[in-house]
């Protein structure tokens, strides 16, 4: 476990199967205060996730670019970061970034996951249990958007959240990729274009 908690450039993850919600809540209480560890629970599986430097850099840049868009377009929002989102006894997730749009809510309208080794579309079932309206995945230079319908999540080409429908996602993706070399240039290019 000490190795898991060490600083790293790459992500570290441990999955534990066959555990109850009660056991998850005990583990959650035991590591409370560790700002680096993130815990996930769904259908008896606990994941302990330690994001690496590259992961954190991308999630911060995506958040920065989104917040510039919100500010420039006068969209009322509340950043809820990686707050714990839970549905008692069933699921618990901590998105990399999350936002309530139009006002504060118990479950954010938008949850964003940066995927390196964990957190891919398999997490959609957790977000569906929470009824999170939209989930974005940044993986291998691609931004994938899933919007919740009555039958489950559907992959869409454009955000369906109020105020984000006109966002140029190709430009956003290019700016995120530019952030690998310069966050400043990525933010400046994005701000000029929006």
N, C-alpha and C. Protein backbone atom coordinates (compact mmCIF):
# COMPACT_ATOMS: atom_id res chain seq x y z
N UNK A 1 0.83 -1.19 0.00
CA UNK A 1 0.00 0.00 0.00
C UNK A 1 0.87 1.25 0.00
N UNK A 2 2.02 1.20 0.68
CA UNK A 2 2.91 2.37 0.71
C UNK A 2 3.37 2.73 -0.68
N UNK A 3 3.65 1.70 -1.50
CA UNK A 3 4.08 1.96 -2.87
C UNK A 3 2.94 2.62 -3.64
N UNK A 4 1.72 2.22 -3.40
CA UNK A 4 0.56 2.80 -4.06
C UNK A 4 0.43 4.28 -3.73
N UNK A 5 0.79 4.66 -2.53
CA UNK A 5 0.63 6.05 -2.11
C UNK A 5 1.81 6.93 -2.48
N UNK A 6 2.83 6.36 -3.07
CA UNK A 6 4.01 7.14 -3.46
C UNK A 6 3.68 8.04 -4.65
N UNK A 7 4.40 9.18 -4.75
CA UNK A 7 4.24 10.08 -5.88
C UNK A 7 4.69 9.35 -7.14
N UNK A 8 3.97 9.58 -8.23
CA UNK A 8 4.32 8.90 -9.46
C UNK A 8 3.87 9.73 -10.65
N UNK A 9 4.60 9.57 -11.74
CA UNK A 9 4.21 10.23 -12.98
C UNK A 9 3.07 9.45 -13.65
N UNK A 10 3.00 8.16 -13.37
CA UNK A 10 1.97 7.32 -13.98
C UNK A 10 0.91 6.95 -12.93
N UNK A 11 -0.25 6.59 -13.42
CA UNK A 11 -1.34 6.18 -12.53
C UNK A 11 -1.06 4.84 -11.90
N UNK A 12 -1.62 4.65 -10.71
CA UNK A 12 -1.54 3.37 -10.04
C UNK A 12 -2.94 3.01 -9.57
N UNK A 13 -3.28 1.74 -9.73
CA UNK A 13 -4.64 1.32 -9.43
C UNK A 13 -4.65 -0.10 -8.88
N UNK A 14 -5.53 -0.31 -7.91
CA UNK A 14 -5.74 -1.64 -7.34
C UNK A 14 -7.24 -1.90 -7.34
N UNK A 15 -7.65 -3.07 -7.84
CA UNK A 15 -9.07 -3.46 -7.85
C UNK A 15 -9.27 -4.63 -6.90
N UNK A 16 -10.29 -4.53 -6.08
CA UNK A 16 -10.62 -5.57 -5.11
C UNK A 16 -12.07 -6.00 -5.33
N UNK A 17 -12.28 -7.26 -5.65
CA UNK A 17 -13.63 -7.75 -5.95
C UNK A 17 -14.24 -8.46 -4.74
N UNK A 18 -15.56 -8.56 -4.76
CA UNK A 18 -16.28 -9.31 -3.74
C UNK A 18 -16.41 -8.60 -2.41
N UNK A 19 -16.57 -7.29 -2.42
CA UNK A 19 -16.67 -6.53 -1.17
C UNK A 19 -18.02 -5.85 -1.05
N UNK A 20 -18.48 -5.73 0.17
CA UNK A 20 -19.78 -5.12 0.44
C UNK A 20 -19.65 -3.60 0.50
N UNK A 21 -20.79 -2.95 0.45
CA UNK A 21 -20.85 -1.50 0.61
C UNK A 21 -20.29 -1.11 1.97
N UNK A 22 -20.59 -1.89 3.00
CA UNK A 22 -20.09 -1.63 4.35
C UNK A 22 -18.56 -1.66 4.37
N UNK A 23 -17.97 -2.67 3.74
CA UNK A 23 -16.51 -2.75 3.69
C UNK A 23 -15.92 -1.56 2.94
N UNK A 24 -16.58 -1.16 1.85
CA UNK A 24 -16.12 0.01 1.11
C UNK A 24 -16.15 1.25 2.00
N UNK A 25 -17.24 1.46 2.74
CA UNK A 25 -17.36 2.64 3.59
C UNK A 25 -16.30 2.63 4.70
N UNK A 26 -15.93 1.44 5.20
CA UNK A 26 -14.86 1.35 6.20
C UNK A 26 -13.52 1.78 5.58
N UNK A 27 -13.23 1.31 4.39
CA UNK A 27 -12.00 1.69 3.71
C UNK A 27 -12.00 3.18 3.41
N UNK A 28 -13.12 3.70 2.98
CA UNK A 28 -13.25 5.12 2.68
C UNK A 28 -12.95 5.96 3.92
N UNK A 29 -13.48 5.54 5.07
CA UNK A 29 -13.22 6.26 6.32
C UNK A 29 -11.75 6.16 6.73
N UNK A 30 -11.15 5.00 6.47
CA UNK A 30 -9.75 4.78 6.87
C UNK A 30 -8.77 5.65 6.09
N UNK A 31 -9.07 5.91 4.83
CA UNK A 31 -8.11 6.72 4.05
C UNK A 31 -8.57 8.17 3.89
N UNK A 32 -9.65 8.53 4.57
CA UNK A 32 -10.13 9.91 4.50
C UNK A 32 -8.99 10.84 4.92
N UNK A 33 -8.82 11.89 4.18
CA UNK A 33 -7.73 12.82 4.46
C UNK A 33 -6.55 12.64 3.52
N UNK A 34 -6.51 11.51 2.81
CA UNK A 34 -5.49 11.33 1.79
C UNK A 34 -6.03 11.97 0.52
N UNK A 35 -5.52 13.14 0.20
CA UNK A 35 -6.04 13.87 -0.95
C UNK A 35 -5.67 13.22 -2.27
N UNK A 36 -4.75 12.26 -2.23
CA UNK A 36 -4.29 11.66 -3.48
C UNK A 36 -5.08 10.43 -3.88
N UNK A 37 -5.54 9.66 -2.94
CA UNK A 37 -6.25 8.42 -3.26
C UNK A 37 -7.70 8.72 -3.62
N UNK A 38 -8.17 8.07 -4.68
CA UNK A 38 -9.56 8.17 -5.07
C UNK A 38 -10.15 6.76 -4.99
N UNK A 39 -11.35 6.68 -4.48
CA UNK A 39 -12.02 5.39 -4.32
C UNK A 39 -13.25 5.31 -5.20
N UNK A 40 -13.46 4.12 -5.76
CA UNK A 40 -14.64 3.85 -6.56
C UNK A 40 -15.25 2.55 -6.06
N UNK A 41 -16.57 2.47 -6.13
CA UNK A 41 -17.25 1.24 -5.74
C UNK A 41 -18.43 1.04 -6.68
N UNK A 42 -18.54 -0.17 -7.20
CA UNK A 42 -19.72 -0.52 -8.00
C UNK A 42 -19.83 -2.04 -8.06
N UNK A 43 -21.01 -2.53 -7.73
CA UNK A 43 -21.34 -3.95 -7.82
C UNK A 43 -20.28 -4.84 -7.17
N UNK A 44 -19.87 -4.48 -5.95
CA UNK A 44 -18.97 -5.33 -5.17
C UNK A 44 -17.49 -5.14 -5.46
N UNK A 45 -17.16 -4.26 -6.39
CA UNK A 45 -15.75 -4.02 -6.71
C UNK A 45 -15.31 -2.66 -6.18
N UNK A 46 -14.20 -2.68 -5.46
CA UNK A 46 -13.58 -1.46 -4.95
C UNK A 46 -12.34 -1.20 -5.80
N UNK A 47 -12.19 0.04 -6.22
CA UNK A 47 -10.96 0.43 -6.91
C UNK A 47 -10.32 1.57 -6.12
N UNK A 48 -9.04 1.40 -5.83
CA UNK A 48 -8.24 2.46 -5.21
C UNK A 48 -7.35 3.00 -6.33
N UNK A 49 -7.49 4.27 -6.60
CA UNK A 49 -6.82 4.87 -7.75
C UNK A 49 -5.94 6.04 -7.29
N UNK A 50 -4.69 6.00 -7.71
CA UNK A 50 -3.74 7.07 -7.42
C UNK A 50 -3.35 7.72 -8.75
N UNK A 51 -3.91 8.91 -9.05
CA UNK A 51 -3.58 9.54 -10.33
C UNK A 51 -2.13 10.00 -10.37
N UNK A 52 -1.51 9.83 -11.54
CA UNK A 52 -0.14 10.28 -11.76
C UNK A 52 -0.10 11.73 -12.23
N UNK A 53 1.09 12.23 -12.38
CA UNK A 53 1.31 13.62 -12.76
C UNK A 53 0.68 13.95 -14.11
N UNK A 54 0.88 13.10 -15.11
CA UNK A 54 0.32 13.36 -16.44
C UNK A 54 -1.20 13.41 -16.40
N UNK A 55 -1.80 12.48 -15.70
CA UNK A 55 -3.25 12.43 -15.53
C UNK A 55 -3.77 13.73 -14.93
N UNK A 56 -3.15 14.16 -13.86
CA UNK A 56 -3.59 15.37 -13.16
C UNK A 56 -3.40 16.61 -14.02
N UNK A 57 -2.35 16.62 -14.83
CA UNK A 57 -2.10 17.75 -15.72
C UNK A 57 -3.22 17.87 -16.75
N UNK A 58 -3.61 16.75 -17.37
CA UNK A 58 -4.69 16.79 -18.35
C UNK A 58 -6.02 17.18 -17.72
N UNK A 59 -6.34 16.62 -16.57
CA UNK A 59 -7.63 16.93 -15.95
C UNK A 59 -7.71 18.39 -15.56
N UNK A 60 -6.60 18.97 -15.12
CA UNK A 60 -6.58 20.39 -14.76
C UNK A 60 -6.75 21.27 -15.99
N UNK A 61 -6.07 20.91 -17.08
CA UNK A 61 -6.18 21.70 -18.30
C UNK A 61 -7.61 21.64 -18.85
N UNK A 62 -8.22 20.47 -18.88
CA UNK A 62 -9.59 20.36 -19.37
C UNK A 62 -10.51 21.23 -18.53
N UNK A 63 -10.35 21.19 -17.22
CA UNK A 63 -11.15 22.04 -16.34
C UNK A 63 -10.93 23.52 -16.61
N UNK A 64 -9.68 23.90 -16.79
CA UNK A 64 -9.36 25.31 -17.07
C UNK A 64 -10.02 25.77 -18.37
N UNK A 65 -9.92 24.96 -19.42
CA UNK A 65 -10.51 25.33 -20.71
C UNK A 65 -12.04 25.43 -20.62
N UNK A 66 -12.65 24.49 -19.92
CA UNK A 66 -14.11 24.55 -19.74
C UNK A 66 -14.52 25.81 -18.98
N UNK A 67 -13.78 26.12 -17.93
CA UNK A 67 -14.14 27.29 -17.13
C UNK A 67 -13.95 28.58 -17.92
N UNK A 68 -12.95 28.64 -18.79
CA UNK A 68 -12.80 29.80 -19.68
C UNK A 68 -14.03 29.93 -20.58
N UNK A 69 -14.52 28.79 -21.10
CA UNK A 69 -15.71 28.79 -21.94
C UNK A 69 -16.92 29.29 -21.15
N UNK A 70 -17.11 28.75 -19.94
CA UNK A 70 -18.23 29.18 -19.11
C UNK A 70 -18.19 30.69 -18.87
N UNK A 71 -17.01 31.19 -18.51
CA UNK A 71 -16.87 32.61 -18.22
C UNK A 71 -17.14 33.47 -19.45
N UNK A 72 -16.55 33.10 -20.58
CA UNK A 72 -16.69 33.89 -21.80
C UNK A 72 -18.14 33.91 -22.29
N UNK A 73 -18.89 32.84 -22.07
CA UNK A 73 -20.27 32.75 -22.55
C UNK A 73 -21.30 33.02 -21.47
N UNK A 74 -20.86 33.45 -20.29
CA UNK A 74 -21.79 33.80 -19.22
C UNK A 74 -22.63 32.64 -18.72
N UNK A 75 -22.06 31.44 -18.72
CA UNK A 75 -22.78 30.26 -18.26
C UNK A 75 -22.60 30.12 -16.75
N UNK A 76 -23.70 30.07 -16.04
CA UNK A 76 -23.65 29.89 -14.58
C UNK A 76 -23.22 28.45 -14.31
N UNK A 77 -22.19 28.30 -13.49
CA UNK A 77 -21.67 26.97 -13.20
C UNK A 77 -21.09 26.93 -11.79
N UNK A 78 -20.95 25.71 -11.32
CA UNK A 78 -20.24 25.48 -10.05
C UNK A 78 -19.31 24.30 -10.28
N UNK A 79 -18.02 24.54 -10.07
CA UNK A 79 -17.04 23.47 -10.19
C UNK A 79 -17.13 22.61 -8.94
N UNK A 80 -17.30 21.30 -9.13
CA UNK A 80 -17.37 20.39 -7.99
C UNK A 80 -16.20 19.41 -7.99
N UNK A 81 -15.22 19.65 -8.88
CA UNK A 81 -13.97 18.89 -8.88
C UNK A 81 -14.17 17.39 -8.83
N UNK A 82 -13.44 16.75 -7.93
CA UNK A 82 -13.53 15.29 -7.81
C UNK A 82 -14.34 14.89 -6.57
N UNK A 83 -15.39 15.67 -6.31
CA UNK A 83 -16.24 15.35 -5.15
C UNK A 83 -16.77 13.92 -5.26
N UNK A 84 -17.00 13.31 -4.13
CA UNK A 84 -17.56 11.96 -4.10
C UNK A 84 -19.04 12.02 -4.44
N UNK A 85 -19.43 11.23 -5.44
CA UNK A 85 -20.83 11.11 -5.84
C UNK A 85 -21.28 9.70 -5.49
N UNK A 86 -22.33 9.60 -4.67
CA UNK A 86 -22.74 8.28 -4.20
C UNK A 86 -24.23 8.05 -4.32
N UNK A 87 -24.55 6.79 -4.52
CA UNK A 87 -25.92 6.29 -4.41
C UNK A 87 -25.81 5.15 -3.40
N UNK A 88 -26.29 5.38 -2.17
CA UNK A 88 -26.07 4.46 -1.05
C UNK A 88 -26.24 3.00 -1.40
N UNK A 89 -25.23 2.26 -1.02
CA UNK A 89 -25.27 0.82 -1.15
C UNK A 89 -25.04 0.30 -2.55
N UNK A 90 -24.87 1.21 -3.52
CA UNK A 90 -24.76 0.74 -4.89
C UNK A 90 -23.49 1.22 -5.58
N UNK A 91 -23.23 2.51 -5.52
CA UNK A 91 -22.09 3.04 -6.27
C UNK A 91 -21.51 4.28 -5.63
N UNK A 92 -20.22 4.47 -5.85
CA UNK A 92 -19.51 5.66 -5.39
C UNK A 92 -18.41 5.94 -6.41
N UNK A 93 -18.39 7.16 -6.94
CA UNK A 93 -17.36 7.56 -7.91
C UNK A 93 -16.82 8.94 -7.55
N UNK A 94 -15.62 9.19 -8.02
CA UNK A 94 -15.01 10.51 -7.92
C UNK A 94 -14.49 10.84 -9.32
N UNK A 95 -15.23 11.69 -10.03
CA UNK A 95 -14.79 12.09 -11.37
C UNK A 95 -13.49 12.88 -11.24
N UNK A 96 -12.78 13.00 -12.35
CA UNK A 96 -11.58 13.84 -12.33
C UNK A 96 -11.97 15.30 -12.21
N UNK A 97 -12.99 15.71 -12.91
CA UNK A 97 -13.57 17.04 -12.82
C UNK A 97 -15.08 16.88 -12.96
N UNK A 98 -15.83 17.76 -12.32
CA UNK A 98 -17.29 17.72 -12.47
C UNK A 98 -17.85 19.12 -12.30
N UNK A 99 -19.01 19.33 -12.92
CA UNK A 99 -19.62 20.67 -12.92
C UNK A 99 -21.13 20.58 -12.82
N UNK A 100 -21.69 21.49 -12.03
CA UNK A 100 -23.12 21.74 -12.02
C UNK A 100 -23.32 22.96 -12.92
N UNK A 101 -24.27 22.88 -13.82
CA UNK A 101 -24.50 23.97 -14.76
C UNK A 101 -25.88 24.56 -14.49
N UNK A 102 -25.92 25.88 -14.34
CA UNK A 102 -27.18 26.58 -14.08
C UNK A 102 -27.51 26.70 -12.60
N UNK A 103 -26.72 26.12 -11.74
CA UNK A 103 -26.95 26.19 -10.30
C UNK A 103 -26.43 24.93 -9.62
N UNK A 104 -26.35 24.98 -8.30
CA UNK A 104 -25.81 23.88 -7.52
C UNK A 104 -26.81 22.72 -7.49
N UNK A 105 -26.29 21.49 -7.57
CA UNK A 105 -27.12 20.28 -7.54
C UNK A 105 -26.40 19.21 -6.73
N UNK A 106 -27.13 18.21 -6.29
CA UNK A 106 -26.49 17.14 -5.51
C UNK A 106 -25.62 16.25 -6.40
N UNK A 107 -26.02 16.05 -7.64
CA UNK A 107 -25.23 15.29 -8.62
C UNK A 107 -24.89 16.25 -9.75
N UNK A 108 -23.61 16.38 -10.09
CA UNK A 108 -23.23 17.30 -11.17
C UNK A 108 -23.87 16.93 -12.50
N UNK A 109 -24.02 17.94 -13.36
CA UNK A 109 -24.54 17.72 -14.71
C UNK A 109 -23.49 17.08 -15.61
N UNK A 110 -22.24 17.38 -15.34
CA UNK A 110 -21.14 16.92 -16.19
C UNK A 110 -20.04 16.33 -15.33
N UNK A 111 -19.65 15.10 -15.65
CA UNK A 111 -18.51 14.45 -15.00
C UNK A 111 -17.49 14.13 -16.09
N UNK A 112 -16.22 14.40 -15.80
CA UNK A 112 -15.16 14.19 -16.78
C UNK A 112 -14.15 13.20 -16.22
N UNK A 113 -13.80 12.23 -17.05
CA UNK A 113 -12.81 11.21 -16.69
C UNK A 113 -11.65 11.26 -17.66
N UNK A 114 -10.43 11.37 -17.14
CA UNK A 114 -9.23 11.27 -17.95
C UNK A 114 -8.77 9.82 -17.83
N UNK A 115 -8.68 9.13 -18.96
CA UNK A 115 -8.41 7.70 -18.95
C UNK A 115 -6.98 7.41 -19.37
N UNK A 116 -6.24 6.76 -18.49
CA UNK A 116 -4.93 6.21 -18.83
C UNK A 116 -5.01 4.71 -18.72
N UNK A 117 -5.30 4.23 -17.51
CA UNK A 117 -5.37 2.78 -17.32
C UNK A 117 -6.68 2.35 -16.68
N UNK A 118 -7.45 3.30 -16.18
CA UNK A 118 -8.71 2.93 -15.57
C UNK A 118 -9.69 4.08 -15.73
N UNK A 119 -10.97 3.78 -15.63
CA UNK A 119 -11.96 4.82 -15.70
C UNK A 119 -12.66 4.90 -17.03
N UNK A 120 -12.46 3.91 -17.89
CA UNK A 120 -13.06 3.98 -19.22
C UNK A 120 -14.58 3.82 -19.15
N UNK A 121 -15.18 3.54 -20.29
CA UNK A 121 -16.63 3.50 -20.39
C UNK A 121 -17.29 2.52 -19.43
N UNK A 122 -16.53 1.59 -18.87
CA UNK A 122 -17.11 0.67 -17.88
C UNK A 122 -17.68 1.44 -16.69
N UNK A 123 -17.17 2.64 -16.45
CA UNK A 123 -17.69 3.46 -15.34
C UNK A 123 -19.06 4.05 -15.64
N UNK A 124 -19.51 3.94 -16.88
CA UNK A 124 -20.82 4.51 -17.21
C UNK A 124 -21.94 3.92 -16.37
N UNK A 125 -21.83 2.64 -16.00
CA UNK A 125 -22.89 2.04 -15.18
C UNK A 125 -22.95 2.71 -13.81
N UNK A 126 -21.81 3.12 -13.28
CA UNK A 126 -21.80 3.86 -12.00
C UNK A 126 -22.48 5.21 -12.16
N UNK A 127 -22.11 5.92 -13.22
CA UNK A 127 -22.71 7.24 -13.44
C UNK A 127 -24.21 7.12 -13.75
N UNK A 128 -24.60 6.03 -14.41
CA UNK A 128 -26.02 5.84 -14.70
C UNK A 128 -26.81 5.64 -13.40
N UNK A 129 -26.24 4.90 -12.45
CA UNK A 129 -26.90 4.72 -11.15
C UNK A 129 -27.09 6.06 -10.44
N UNK A 130 -26.18 7.00 -10.69
CA UNK A 130 -26.26 8.33 -10.08
C UNK A 130 -27.16 9.28 -10.86
N UNK A 131 -27.48 8.91 -12.10
CA UNK A 131 -28.26 9.74 -13.01
C UNK A 131 -27.52 11.03 -13.38
N UNK A 132 -26.22 10.91 -13.58
CA UNK A 132 -25.41 12.05 -14.05
C UNK A 132 -25.75 12.28 -15.53
N UNK A 133 -26.23 13.47 -15.89
CA UNK A 133 -26.70 13.71 -17.26
C UNK A 133 -25.67 13.49 -18.37
N UNK A 134 -24.40 13.86 -18.13
CA UNK A 134 -23.42 13.73 -19.20
C UNK A 134 -22.05 13.38 -18.62
N UNK A 135 -21.36 12.47 -19.33
CA UNK A 135 -20.01 12.04 -18.92
C UNK A 135 -19.10 12.18 -20.13
N UNK A 136 -17.94 12.82 -19.92
CA UNK A 136 -16.93 12.97 -20.96
C UNK A 136 -15.72 12.13 -20.58
N UNK A 137 -15.15 11.44 -21.56
CA UNK A 137 -13.92 10.70 -21.37
C UNK A 137 -12.85 11.29 -22.29
N UNK A 138 -11.69 11.60 -21.73
CA UNK A 138 -10.53 12.00 -22.52
C UNK A 138 -9.60 10.80 -22.54
N UNK A 139 -9.40 10.20 -23.71
CA UNK A 139 -8.59 8.99 -23.80
C UNK A 139 -7.85 8.97 -25.12
N UNK A 140 -6.54 8.82 -25.06
CA UNK A 140 -5.70 8.71 -26.26
C UNK A 140 -5.94 9.84 -27.24
N UNK A 141 -6.07 11.06 -26.74
CA UNK A 141 -6.24 12.22 -27.60
C UNK A 141 -7.64 12.41 -28.15
N UNK A 142 -8.60 11.63 -27.67
CA UNK A 142 -9.98 11.74 -28.13
C UNK A 142 -10.90 12.13 -26.98
N UNK A 143 -11.86 12.97 -27.30
CA UNK A 143 -12.89 13.34 -26.34
C UNK A 143 -14.17 12.61 -26.72
N UNK A 144 -14.62 11.71 -25.85
CA UNK A 144 -15.83 10.93 -26.09
C UNK A 144 -16.91 11.42 -25.14
N UNK A 145 -18.10 11.69 -25.68
CA UNK A 145 -19.19 12.27 -24.90
C UNK A 145 -20.36 11.30 -24.85
N UNK A 146 -20.86 11.08 -23.64
CA UNK A 146 -22.01 10.20 -23.42
C UNK A 146 -23.09 10.99 -22.71
N UNK A 147 -24.29 10.97 -23.28
CA UNK A 147 -25.42 11.68 -22.69
C UNK A 147 -26.45 10.64 -22.23
N UNK A 148 -27.00 10.87 -21.04
CA UNK A 148 -27.95 9.92 -20.45
C UNK A 148 -29.34 10.10 -21.06
N UNK A 149 -29.87 9.01 -21.55
CA UNK A 149 -31.25 8.94 -22.05
C UNK A 149 -32.03 8.01 -21.12
N UNK A 150 -33.29 7.82 -21.38
CA UNK A 150 -34.11 6.95 -20.52
C UNK A 150 -33.64 5.50 -20.59
N UNK A 151 -32.98 5.11 -21.69
CA UNK A 151 -32.51 3.74 -21.85
C UNK A 151 -31.05 3.54 -21.44
N UNK A 152 -30.38 4.61 -21.07
CA UNK A 152 -28.97 4.54 -20.69
C UNK A 152 -28.16 5.57 -21.45
N UNK A 153 -26.85 5.45 -21.37
CA UNK A 153 -25.98 6.42 -22.03
C UNK A 153 -25.88 6.13 -23.52
N UNK A 154 -25.86 7.20 -24.28
CA UNK A 154 -25.68 7.13 -25.72
C UNK A 154 -24.50 8.03 -26.07
N UNK A 155 -23.60 7.50 -26.90
CA UNK A 155 -22.48 8.32 -27.34
C UNK A 155 -22.99 9.35 -28.34
N UNK A 156 -22.64 10.62 -28.10
CA UNK A 156 -23.10 11.71 -28.95
C UNK A 156 -21.88 12.48 -29.48
N UNK A 157 -22.08 13.22 -30.56
CA UNK A 157 -20.99 13.98 -31.15
C UNK A 157 -20.84 15.37 -30.56
N UNK A 158 -21.85 15.82 -29.84
CA UNK A 158 -21.86 17.16 -29.28
C UNK A 158 -22.52 17.12 -27.91
N UNK A 159 -22.05 17.96 -27.01
CA UNK A 159 -22.68 18.03 -25.70
C UNK A 159 -24.15 18.42 -25.86
N UNK A 160 -24.99 17.89 -25.00
CA UNK A 160 -26.40 18.24 -25.01
C UNK A 160 -26.78 19.05 -23.77
N UNK A 161 -25.77 19.49 -23.03
CA UNK A 161 -26.03 20.30 -21.84
C UNK A 161 -26.26 21.75 -22.24
N UNK A 162 -27.16 22.39 -21.54
CA UNK A 162 -27.52 23.77 -21.82
C UNK A 162 -26.28 24.67 -21.81
N UNK A 163 -26.06 25.37 -22.91
CA UNK A 163 -24.93 26.28 -23.02
C UNK A 163 -23.70 25.66 -23.66
N UNK A 164 -23.64 24.32 -23.68
CA UNK A 164 -22.45 23.67 -24.25
C UNK A 164 -22.70 23.09 -25.64
N UNK A 165 -23.94 23.22 -26.14
CA UNK A 165 -24.29 22.61 -27.42
C UNK A 165 -23.45 23.13 -28.58
N UNK A 166 -23.02 24.38 -28.51
CA UNK A 166 -22.28 24.99 -29.62
C UNK A 166 -20.76 24.92 -29.44
N UNK A 167 -20.31 24.28 -28.39
CA UNK A 167 -18.86 24.21 -28.15
C UNK A 167 -18.18 23.43 -29.27
N UNK A 168 -17.09 23.98 -29.79
CA UNK A 168 -16.31 23.32 -30.84
C UNK A 168 -15.41 22.27 -30.19
N UNK A 169 -15.86 21.02 -30.22
CA UNK A 169 -15.14 19.95 -29.53
C UNK A 169 -13.84 19.56 -30.24
N UNK A 170 -13.78 19.74 -31.55
CA UNK A 170 -12.52 19.47 -32.25
C UNK A 170 -11.46 20.47 -31.82
N UNK A 171 -11.84 21.73 -31.73
CA UNK A 171 -10.91 22.75 -31.24
C UNK A 171 -10.51 22.47 -29.80
N UNK A 172 -11.48 22.10 -28.98
CA UNK A 172 -11.17 21.77 -27.58
C UNK A 172 -10.15 20.64 -27.52
N UNK A 173 -10.34 19.60 -28.32
CA UNK A 173 -9.40 18.47 -28.33
C UNK A 173 -8.00 18.91 -28.76
N UNK A 174 -7.92 19.75 -29.79
CA UNK A 174 -6.61 20.24 -30.24
C UNK A 174 -5.92 21.04 -29.15
N UNK A 175 -6.69 21.86 -28.44
CA UNK A 175 -6.10 22.66 -27.36
C UNK A 175 -5.65 21.78 -26.20
N UNK A 176 -6.41 20.75 -25.90
CA UNK A 176 -6.01 19.82 -24.83
C UNK A 176 -4.69 19.15 -25.22
N UNK A 177 -4.59 18.71 -26.47
CA UNK A 177 -3.35 18.08 -26.93
C UNK A 177 -2.18 19.06 -26.89
N UNK A 178 -2.43 20.31 -27.22
CA UNK A 178 -1.39 21.33 -27.17
C UNK A 178 -0.88 21.50 -25.74
N UNK A 179 -1.73 21.22 -24.78
CA UNK A 179 -1.37 21.33 -23.37
C UNK A 179 -0.26 20.38 -22.96
N UNK A 180 0.03 19.36 -23.77
CA UNK A 180 1.15 18.47 -23.46
C UNK A 180 2.46 19.24 -23.43
N UNK A 181 2.54 20.30 -24.25
CA UNK A 181 3.77 21.09 -24.29
C UNK A 181 3.63 22.44 -23.60
N UNK A 182 2.42 23.02 -23.63
CA UNK A 182 2.25 24.34 -23.01
C UNK A 182 0.79 24.58 -22.63
N UNK A 183 0.52 24.61 -21.36
CA UNK A 183 -0.83 24.93 -20.89
C UNK A 183 -1.18 26.37 -21.26
N UNK A 184 -0.20 27.26 -21.18
CA UNK A 184 -0.45 28.66 -21.49
C UNK A 184 -0.88 28.83 -22.94
N UNK A 185 -0.16 28.24 -23.87
CA UNK A 185 -0.53 28.36 -25.29
C UNK A 185 -1.88 27.71 -25.55
N UNK A 186 -2.14 26.58 -24.94
CA UNK A 186 -3.43 25.90 -25.11
C UNK A 186 -4.56 26.81 -24.65
N UNK A 187 -4.43 27.41 -23.48
CA UNK A 187 -5.47 28.30 -22.93
C UNK A 187 -5.61 29.56 -23.78
N UNK A 188 -4.51 30.12 -24.23
CA UNK A 188 -4.56 31.34 -25.06
C UNK A 188 -5.26 31.05 -26.39
N UNK A 189 -4.90 29.94 -27.05
CA UNK A 189 -5.55 29.58 -28.32
C UNK A 189 -7.05 29.36 -28.13
N UNK A 190 -7.40 28.67 -27.08
CA UNK A 190 -8.81 28.40 -26.79
C UNK A 190 -9.57 29.68 -26.53
N UNK A 191 -8.99 30.56 -25.71
CA UNK A 191 -9.67 31.81 -25.34
C UNK A 191 -9.87 32.71 -26.56
N UNK A 192 -8.90 32.76 -27.45
CA UNK A 192 -9.03 33.57 -28.67
C UNK A 192 -10.14 33.03 -29.56
N UNK A 193 -10.25 31.72 -29.64
CA UNK A 193 -11.20 31.08 -30.56
C UNK A 193 -12.64 31.08 -30.06
N UNK A 194 -12.82 31.11 -28.77
CA UNK A 194 -14.20 31.00 -28.25
C UNK A 194 -14.85 32.37 -28.16
